[in-house]
Amino acid sequence: MIDQTQATVAPQPSGSANEAFKHSFSPWFWGSISAATLMHFLVFAFWPSMSAADVGVDTTETPIINPPTEVKPPEPPPPITRPALPVVTEALSDPDATIVDVDFNQPPLPPPPPPDAVDRNISDAPTWTDFDVYPFIKNREEVQRALEREYPPFYRDSGIGGTAKVWFFIDETGKVVKTQIHTSSGYEALDDAALKISHLYEFSPAMNRDKPVPVWVSLDITFRTRQELMPRDAAAA
């Protein structure tokens, strides 16, 4: 025969674990509140007392500035004067006062005469002189013959030519007083021949208004062979 044993189970308390936790929350909560209150009381009761330091404020007295006794205002500007009213004048009482007719077709007056030279000799070097009538050459044919006569034979036979620019100083009568080379022809012999011929020139006097004046003028003296004067086609033929 088999022995059968019966296990006995202890009786379980009534209710679940959640219910047990709910019942134990209230004692824990109020116990914590009481402990925190007691701790704060002890802290305030036994904590060393503290006092604020005395912070001093340094104050200085502001000096009193005495204002000026009296400020004089500036003077007002002068009043603006009103412009005078225009007045219509009557006719001229002088019957001889007339307006001169102007002829615009009449040539303008020449410039005033040049001032007299003071401590200056214009014949020393080429310089400007005021004049309104240019001097012209009176003996062109004689000058042309002199060009042919004074042409250096070597240069003429070799077909070498050139132009020398010469300064002429002409006095009040048109006479050549002084000459000098302005621009060389490039050949000394041609320059010397040009200076030799320049003293043969005869000019009319230069005029400034109605007064003859001495002047410096510049002219070209050109030496050319007859072959150079011929057209190229004729020279080739």
C-alpha atoms as a PDB file:
ATOM      1  CA  MET A   1       0.000   0.000   0.000  1.00  0.00           C
ATOM      2  CA  ILE A   2       1.202   3.341  -0.894  1.00  0.00           C
ATOM      3  CA  ASP A   3       1.310   5.978   1.810  1.00  0.00           C
ATOM      4  CA  GLN A   4      -0.165   9.211   0.675  1.00  0.00           C
ATOM      5  CA  THR A   5       0.959  12.320   2.427  1.00  0.00           C
ATOM      6  CA  GLN A   6      -0.924  15.536   2.269  1.00  0.00           C
ATOM      7  CA  ALA A   7       1.018  18.807   2.063  1.00  0.00           C
ATOM      8  CA  THR A   8      -0.277  21.533   4.124  1.00  0.00           C
ATOM      9  CA  VAL A   9      -0.061  25.113   2.719  1.00  0.00           C
ATOM     10  CA  ALA A  10       0.193  28.072   5.053  1.00  0.00           C
ATOM     11  CA  PRO A  11      -2.678  30.444   4.718  1.00  0.00           C
ATOM     12  CA  GLN A  12      -1.858  33.597   2.544  1.00  0.00           C
ATOM     13  CA  PRO A  13      -2.623  37.021   3.919  1.00  0.00           C
ATOM     14  CA  SER A  14      -5.540  38.744   2.370  1.00  0.00           C
ATOM     15  CA  GLY A  15      -4.815  41.444  -0.310  1.00  0.00           C
ATOM     16  CA  SER A  16      -2.043  41.973  -2.924  1.00  0.00           C
ATOM     17  CA  ALA A  17       1.497  43.542  -2.710  1.00  0.00           C
ATOM     18  CA  ASN A  18       0.239  46.779  -4.247  1.00  0.00           C
ATOM     19  CA  GLU A  19      -2.246  47.146  -1.484  1.00  0.00           C
ATOM     20  CA  ALA A  20       0.500  46.584   1.066  1.00  0.00           C
ATOM     21  CA  PHE A  21       2.698  49.307  -0.569  1.00  0.00           C
ATOM     22  CA  LYS A  22      -0.163  51.794  -0.467  1.00  0.00           C
ATOM     23  CA  HIS A  23      -0.683  51.172   3.222  1.00  0.00           C
ATOM     24  CA  SER A  24       3.054  51.696   3.981  1.00  0.00           C
ATOM     25  CA  PHE A  25       3.429  55.001   1.917  1.00  0.00           C
ATOM     26  CA  SER A  26       1.702  57.279   4.400  1.00  0.00           C
ATOM     27  CA  PRO A  27       4.021  56.507   7.390  1.00  0.00           C
ATOM     28  CA  TRP A  28       7.133  56.978   5.211  1.00  0.00           C
ATOM     29  CA  PHE A  29       5.937  60.291   3.755  1.00  0.00           C
ATOM     30  CA  TRP A  30       5.124  61.982   7.023  1.00  0.00           C
ATOM     31  CA  GLY A  31       8.254  60.608   8.613  1.00  0.00           C
ATOM     32  CA  SER A  32      10.389  62.211   5.891  1.00  0.00           C
ATOM     33  CA  ILE A  33       8.612  65.546   6.291  1.00  0.00           C
ATOM     34  CA  SER A  34       9.228  65.488  10.041  1.00  0.00           C
ATOM     35  CA  ALA A  35      12.925  64.618   9.590  1.00  0.00           C
ATOM     36  CA  ALA A  36      13.458  67.462   7.058  1.00  0.00           C
ATOM     37  CA  THR A  37      11.751  69.955   9.358  1.00  0.00           C
ATOM     38  CA  LEU A  38      13.909  68.884  12.276  1.00  0.00           C
ATOM     39  CA  MET A  39      17.099  69.197  10.168  1.00  0.00           C
ATOM     40  CA  HIS A  40      16.287  72.734   9.044  1.00  0.00           C
ATOM     41  CA  PHE A  41      15.565  73.757  12.608  1.00  0.00           C
ATOM     42  CA  LEU A  42      18.894  72.414  13.799  1.00  0.00           C
ATOM     43  CA  VAL A  43      20.766  74.186  10.961  1.00  0.00           C
ATOM     44  CA  PHE A  44      19.266  77.603  11.758  1.00  0.00           C
ATOM     45  CA  ALA A  45      19.681  77.032  15.493  1.00  0.00           C
ATOM     46  CA  PHE A  46      23.378  76.078  15.549  1.00  0.00           C
ATOM     47  CA  TRP A  47      24.765  77.852  12.432  1.00  0.00           C
ATOM     48  CA  PRO A  48      27.246  80.723  13.335  1.00  0.00           C
ATOM     49  CA  SER A  49      25.729  84.143  13.031  1.00  0.00           C
ATOM     50  CA  MET A  50      26.884  86.419  10.115  1.00  0.00           C
ATOM     51  CA  SER A  51      26.808  90.182   9.889  1.00  0.00           C
ATOM     52  CA  ALA A  52      27.214  92.476   6.872  1.00  0.00           C
ATOM     53  CA  ALA A  53      30.365  94.572   6.694  1.00  0.00           C
ATOM     54  CA  ASP A  54      30.085  98.335   6.930  1.00  0.00           C
ATOM     55  CA  VAL A  55      30.684  99.782   3.431  1.00  0.00           C
ATOM     56  CA  GLY A  56      31.629 103.407   3.737  1.00  0.00           C
ATOM     57  CA  VAL A  57      30.779 105.949   0.998  1.00  0.00           C
ATOM     58  CA  ASP A  58      33.321 108.687   0.291  1.00  0.00           C
ATOM     59  CA  THR A  59      31.514 111.888  -0.523  1.00  0.00           C
ATOM     60  CA  THR A  60      33.159 115.123  -1.634  1.00  0.00           C
ATOM     61  CA  GLU A  61      31.574 118.480  -1.766  1.00  0.00           C
ATOM     62  CA  THR A  62      31.046 119.967  -5.224  1.00  0.00           C
ATOM     63  CA  PRO A  63      32.341 123.526  -5.400  1.00  0.00           C
ATOM     64  CA  ILE A  64      29.741 126.087  -6.155  1.00  0.00           C
ATOM     65  CA  ILE A  65      30.275 127.886  -9.441  1.00  0.00           C
ATOM     66  CA  ASN A  66      29.131 131.418  -9.311  1.00  0.00           C
ATOM     67  CA  PRO A  67      27.181 132.196 -12.475  1.00  0.00           C
ATOM     68  CA  PRO A  68      27.971 135.445 -14.310  1.00  0.00           C
ATOM     69  CA  THR A  69      26.122 138.339 -12.898  1.00  0.00           C
ATOM     70  CA  GLU A  70      24.812 139.528 -16.265  1.00  0.00           C
ATOM     71  CA  VAL A  71      25.082 138.291 -19.858  1.00  0.00           C
ATOM     72  CA  LYS A  72      24.846 141.083 -22.372  1.00  0.00           C
ATOM     73  CA  PRO A  73      22.925 140.004 -25.461  1.00  0.00           C
ATOM     74  CA  PRO A  74      24.459 140.823 -28.852  1.00  0.00           C
ATOM     75  CA  GLU A  75      23.305 143.875 -30.671  1.00  0.00           C
ATOM     76  CA  PRO A  76      20.599 143.289 -33.237  1.00  0.00           C
ATOM     77  CA  PRO A  77      21.657 143.394 -36.920  1.00  0.00           C
ATOM     78  CA  PRO A  78      21.002 146.588 -38.827  1.00  0.00           C
ATOM     79  CA  PRO A  79      17.661 146.715 -40.579  1.00  0.00           C
ATOM     80  CA  ILE A  80      17.573 145.697 -44.236  1.00  0.00           C
ATOM     81  CA  THR A  81      17.204 148.726 -46.429  1.00  0.00           C
ATOM     82  CA  ARG A  82      14.612 148.577 -49.095  1.00  0.00           C
ATOM     83  CA  PRO A  83      15.824 149.089 -52.667  1.00  0.00           C
ATOM     84  CA  ALA A  84      15.052 152.403 -54.217  1.00  0.00           C
ATOM     85  CA  LEU A  85      12.242 152.469 -56.686  1.00  0.00           C
ATOM     86  CA  PRO A  86      13.284 153.045 -60.306  1.00  0.00           C
ATOM     87  CA  VAL A  87      12.530 156.468 -61.634  1.00  0.00           C
ATOM     88  CA  VAL A  88      11.816 157.116 -65.268  1.00  0.00           C
ATOM     89  CA  THR A  89      14.056 159.937 -66.462  1.00  0.00           C
ATOM     90  CA  GLU A  90      12.951 162.583 -68.828  1.00  0.00           C
ATOM     91  CA  ALA A  91      14.477 163.285 -72.249  1.00  0.00           C
ATOM     92  CA  LEU A  92      17.979 164.677 -72.435  1.00  0.00           C
ATOM     93  CA  SER A  93      18.016 168.380 -72.041  1.00  0.00           C
ATOM     94  CA  ASP A  94      21.274 168.817 -74.002  1.00  0.00           C
ATOM     95  CA  PRO A  95      20.429 168.833 -77.722  1.00  0.00           C
ATOM     96  CA  ASP A  96      24.123 168.310 -78.703  1.00  0.00           C
ATOM     97  CA  ALA A  97      24.359 164.929 -76.942  1.00  0.00           C
ATOM     98  CA  THR A  98      24.066 162.382 -79.739  1.00  0.00           C
ATOM     99  CA  ILE A  99      25.120 158.781 -80.349  1.00  0.00           C
ATOM    100  CA  VAL A 100      27.932 158.405 -82.864  1.00  0.00           C
ATOM    101  CA  ASP A 101      27.233 155.989 -85.704  1.00  0.00           C
ATOM    102  CA  VAL A 102      29.640 153.049 -85.818  1.00  0.00           C
ATOM    103  CA  ASP A 103      30.786 151.712 -89.174  1.00  0.00           C
ATOM    104  CA  PHE A 104      31.540 148.018 -88.667  1.00  0.00           C
ATOM    105  CA  ASN A 105      32.985 147.723 -92.173  1.00  0.00           C
ATOM    106  CA  GLN A 106      35.825 150.053 -91.269  1.00  0.00           C
ATOM    107  CA  PRO A 107      39.103 148.174 -90.550  1.00  0.00           C
ATOM    108  CA  PRO A 108      40.170 148.121 -86.920  1.00  0.00           C
ATOM    109  CA  LEU A 109      42.775 150.521 -85.665  1.00  0.00           C
ATOM    110  CA  PRO A 110      46.356 149.204 -85.651  1.00  0.00           C
ATOM    111  CA  PRO A 111      47.976 148.404 -82.321  1.00  0.00           C
ATOM    112  CA  PRO A 112      49.685 151.198 -80.384  1.00  0.00           C
ATOM    113  CA  PRO A 113      53.307 151.951 -81.182  1.00  0.00           C
ATOM    114  CA  PRO A 114      55.895 149.971 -79.256  1.00  0.00           C
ATOM    115  CA  PRO A 115      57.476 151.611 -76.222  1.00  0.00           C
ATOM    116  CA  ASP A 116      60.934 153.026 -76.661  1.00  0.00           C
ATOM    117  CA  ALA A 117      63.671 150.589 -75.794  1.00  0.00           C
ATOM    118  CA  VAL A 118      65.292 151.344 -72.478  1.00  0.00           C
ATOM    119  CA  ASP A 119      68.797 150.029 -71.816  1.00  0.00           C
ATOM    120  CA  ARG A 120      68.291 147.381 -74.509  1.00  0.00           C
ATOM    121  CA  ASN A 121      69.898 147.083 -77.921  1.00  0.00           C
ATOM    122  CA  ILE A 122      67.767 144.810 -80.086  1.00  0.00           C
ATOM    123  CA  SER A 123      70.607 144.382 -82.598  1.00  0.00           C
ATOM    124  CA  ASP A 124      72.577 142.248 -80.135  1.00  0.00           C
ATOM    125  CA  ALA A 125      70.525 139.110 -80.748  1.00  0.00           C
ATOM    126  CA  PRO A 126      67.344 138.127 -82.626  1.00  0.00           C
ATOM    127  CA  THR A 127      64.294 139.304 -80.713  1.00  0.00           C
ATOM    128  CA  TRP A 128      60.688 140.188 -81.374  1.00  0.00           C
ATOM    129  CA  THR A 129      59.650 143.687 -82.428  1.00  0.00           C
ATOM    130  CA  ASP A 130      56.064 144.853 -82.773  1.00  0.00           C
ATOM    131  CA  PHE A 131      55.198 145.775 -86.363  1.00  0.00           C
ATOM    132  CA  ASP A 132      52.180 145.538 -88.626  1.00  0.00           C
ATOM    133  CA  VAL A 133      53.803 146.034 -92.070  1.00  0.00           C
ATOM    134  CA  TYR A 134      56.279 143.300 -92.986  1.00  0.00           C
ATOM    135  CA  PRO A 135      59.443 144.340 -94.905  1.00  0.00           C
ATOM    136  CA  PHE A 136      59.689 142.990 -98.465  1.00  0.00           C
ATOM    137  CA  ILE A 137      62.690 142.367-100.725  1.00  0.00           C
ATOM    138  CA  LYS A 138      63.238 145.078-103.320  1.00  0.00           C
ATOM    139  CA  ASN A 139      66.104 143.526-105.382  1.00  0.00           C
ATOM    140  CA  ARG A 140      65.104 139.911-105.999  1.00  0.00           C
ATOM    141  CA  GLU A 141      66.785 139.774-109.440  1.00  0.00           C
ATOM    142  CA  GLU A 142      70.100 140.985-108.040  1.00  0.00           C
ATOM    143  CA  VAL A 143      69.896 138.417-105.251  1.00  0.00           C
ATOM    144  CA  GLN A 144      69.185 135.650-107.790  1.00  0.00           C
ATOM    145  CA  ARG A 145      72.269 136.586-109.821  1.00  0.00           C
ATOM    146  CA  ALA A 146      74.333 136.607-106.629  1.00  0.00           C
ATOM    147  CA  LEU A 147      73.109 133.090-105.799  1.00  0.00           C
ATOM    148  CA  GLU A 148      74.375 131.820-109.141  1.00  0.00           C
ATOM    149  CA  ARG A 149      77.634 133.710-108.813  1.00  0.00           C
ATOM    150  CA  GLU A 150      78.454 132.739-105.219  1.00  0.00           C
ATOM    151  CA  TYR A 151      77.427 129.071-105.533  1.00  0.00           C
ATOM    152  CA  PRO A 152      80.601 127.112-104.615  1.00  0.00           C
ATOM    153  CA  PRO A 153      81.782 125.433-107.876  1.00  0.00           C
ATOM    154  CA  PHE A 154      82.589 122.090-106.252  1.00  0.00           C
ATOM    155  CA  TYR A 155      79.098 121.764-104.798  1.00  0.00           C
ATOM    156  CA  ARG A 156      77.451 123.040-107.990  1.00  0.00           C
ATOM    157  CA  ASP A 157      79.359 120.600-110.209  1.00  0.00           C
ATOM    158  CA  SER A 158      78.715 117.739-107.783  1.00  0.00           C
ATOM    159  CA  GLY A 159      74.977 118.506-107.696  1.00  0.00           C
ATOM    160  CA  ILE A 160      75.025 119.216-103.944  1.00  0.00           C
ATOM    161  CA  GLY A 161      72.537 121.813-102.724  1.00  0.00           C
ATOM    162  CA  GLY A 162      71.065 122.980 -99.464  1.00  0.00           C
ATOM    163  CA  THR A 163      69.062 125.643 -97.640  1.00  0.00           C
ATOM    164  CA  ALA A 164      70.511 127.926 -94.989  1.00  0.00           C
ATOM    165  CA  LYS A 165      68.071 129.871 -92.809  1.00  0.00           C
ATOM    166  CA  VAL A 166      69.539 133.315 -92.080  1.00  0.00           C
ATOM    167  CA  TRP A 167      68.621 135.972 -89.533  1.00  0.00           C
ATOM    168  CA  PHE A 168      68.521 139.528 -90.929  1.00  0.00           C
ATOM    169  CA  PHE A 169      68.569 142.618 -88.707  1.00  0.00           C
ATOM    170  CA  ILE A 170      67.020 145.499 -90.665  1.00  0.00           C
ATOM    171  CA  ASP A 171      67.128 149.090 -89.418  1.00  0.00           C
ATOM    172  CA  GLU A 172      64.462 151.783 -89.788  1.00  0.00           C
ATOM    173  CA  THR A 173      65.549 152.521 -93.379  1.00  0.00           C
ATOM    174  CA  GLY A 174      65.407 148.875 -94.537  1.00  0.00           C
ATOM    175  CA  LYS A 175      69.177 148.450 -94.605  1.00  0.00           C
ATOM    176  CA  VAL A 176      70.653 145.097 -93.569  1.00  0.00           C
ATOM    177  CA  VAL A 177      72.831 145.854 -90.579  1.00  0.00           C
ATOM    178  CA  LYS A 178      73.605 142.372 -89.251  1.00  0.00           C
ATOM    179  CA  THR A 179      73.156 138.742 -90.338  1.00  0.00           C
ATOM    180  CA  GLN A 180      73.757 135.362 -88.718  1.00  0.00           C
ATOM    181  CA  ILE A 181      72.941 131.741 -89.403  1.00  0.00           C
ATOM    182  CA  HIS A 182      69.640 130.611 -87.918  1.00  0.00           C
ATOM    183  CA  THR A 183      69.694 127.000 -89.190  1.00  0.00           C
ATOM    184  CA  SER A 184      72.667 125.535 -91.042  1.00  0.00           C
ATOM    185  CA  SER A 185      72.344 123.908 -94.470  1.00  0.00           C
ATOM    186  CA  GLY A 186      74.631 121.120 -93.338  1.00  0.00           C
ATOM    187  CA  TYR A 187      77.572 122.403 -95.379  1.00  0.00           C
ATOM    188  CA  GLU A 188      79.891 125.102 -94.068  1.00  0.00           C
ATOM    189  CA  ALA A 189      80.749 126.380 -97.574  1.00  0.00           C
ATOM    190  CA  LEU A 190      77.060 126.900 -98.393  1.00  0.00           C
ATOM    191  CA  ASP A 191      76.497 128.679 -95.058  1.00  0.00           C
ATOM    192  CA  ASP A 192      79.417 131.053 -95.769  1.00  0.00           C
ATOM    193  CA  ALA A 193      78.079 131.786 -99.258  1.00  0.00           C
ATOM    194  CA  ALA A 194      74.596 132.482 -97.795  1.00  0.00           C
ATOM    195  CA  LEU A 195      76.053 135.010 -95.314  1.00  0.00           C
ATOM    196  CA  LYS A 196      77.984 136.688 -98.112  1.00  0.00           C
ATOM    197  CA  ILE A 197      74.845 137.037-100.240  1.00  0.00           C
ATOM    198  CA  SER A 198      72.673 138.202 -97.288  1.00  0.00           C
ATOM    199  CA  HIS A 199      74.418 141.605 -97.174  1.00  0.00           C
ATOM    200  CA  LEU A 200      73.231 142.297-100.762  1.00  0.00           C
ATOM    201  CA  TYR A 201      69.536 142.214 -99.775  1.00  0.00           C
ATOM    202  CA  GLU A 202      67.593 145.463 -99.830  1.00  0.00           C
ATOM    203  CA  PHE A 203      64.318 145.715 -97.880  1.00  0.00           C
ATOM    204  CA  SER A 204      61.561 148.179 -97.412  1.00  0.00           C
ATOM    205  CA  PRO A 205      61.366 149.366 -93.778  1.00  0.00           C
ATOM    206  CA  ALA A 206      59.064 147.549 -91.374  1.00  0.00           C
ATOM    207  CA  MET A 207      56.261 149.761 -90.062  1.00  0.00           C
ATOM    208  CA  ASN A 208      54.389 149.810 -86.807  1.00  0.00           C
ATOM    209  CA  ARG A 209      51.370 151.967 -87.529  1.00  0.00           C
ATOM    210  CA  ASP A 210      53.038 155.000 -89.216  1.00  0.00           C
ATOM    211  CA  LYS A 211      56.449 154.594 -87.623  1.00  0.00           C
ATOM    212  CA  PRO A 212      59.392 152.662 -89.159  1.00  0.00           C
ATOM    213  CA  VAL A 213      60.931 150.240 -86.700  1.00  0.00           C
ATOM    214  CA  PRO A 214      64.005 147.974 -86.711  1.00  0.00           C
ATOM    215  CA  VAL A 215      63.196 144.267 -86.896  1.00  0.00           C
ATOM    216  CA  TRP A 216      64.756 140.832 -87.066  1.00  0.00           C
ATOM    217  CA  VAL A 217      63.462 138.601 -89.881  1.00  0.00           C
ATOM    218  CA  SER A 218      64.392 135.069 -90.914  1.00  0.00           C
ATOM    219  CA  LEU A 219      64.716 134.059 -94.594  1.00  0.00           C
ATOM    220  CA  ASP A 220      65.766 130.896 -96.429  1.00  0.00           C
ATOM    221  CA  ILE A 221      68.677 131.093 -98.879  1.00  0.00           C
ATOM    222  CA  THR A 222      68.588 127.982-101.072  1.00  0.00           C
ATOM    223  CA  PHE A 223      71.309 126.699-103.407  1.00  0.00           C
ATOM    224  CA  ARG A 224      70.084 124.325-106.150  1.00  0.00           C
ATOM    225  CA  THR A 225      71.580 123.090-109.357  1.00  0.00           C
ATOM    226  CA  ARG A 226      69.668 123.450-112.594  1.00  0.00           C
ATOM    227  CA  GLN A 227      69.289 119.677-112.706  1.00  0.00           C
ATOM    228  CA  GLU A 228      67.431 119.789-109.392  1.00  0.00           C
ATOM    229  CA  LEU A 229      65.082 122.464-110.771  1.00  0.00           C
ATOM    230  CA  MET A 230      64.169 120.327-113.826  1.00  0.00           C
ATOM    231  CA  PRO A 231      61.303 117.847-113.631  1.00  0.00           C
ATOM    232  CA  ARG A 232      62.320 114.214-113.136  1.00  0.00           C
ATOM    233  CA  ASP A 233      60.903 113.107-116.525  1.00  0.00           C
ATOM    234  CA  ALA A 234      62.898 115.791-118.384  1.00  0.00           C
ATOM    235  CA  ALA A 235      66.088 114.932-116.490  1.00  0.00           C
ATOM    236  CA  ALA A 236      65.692 111.240-117.381  1.00  0.00           C
ATOM    237  CA  ALA A 237      65.262 112.077-121.079  1.00  0.00           C
END
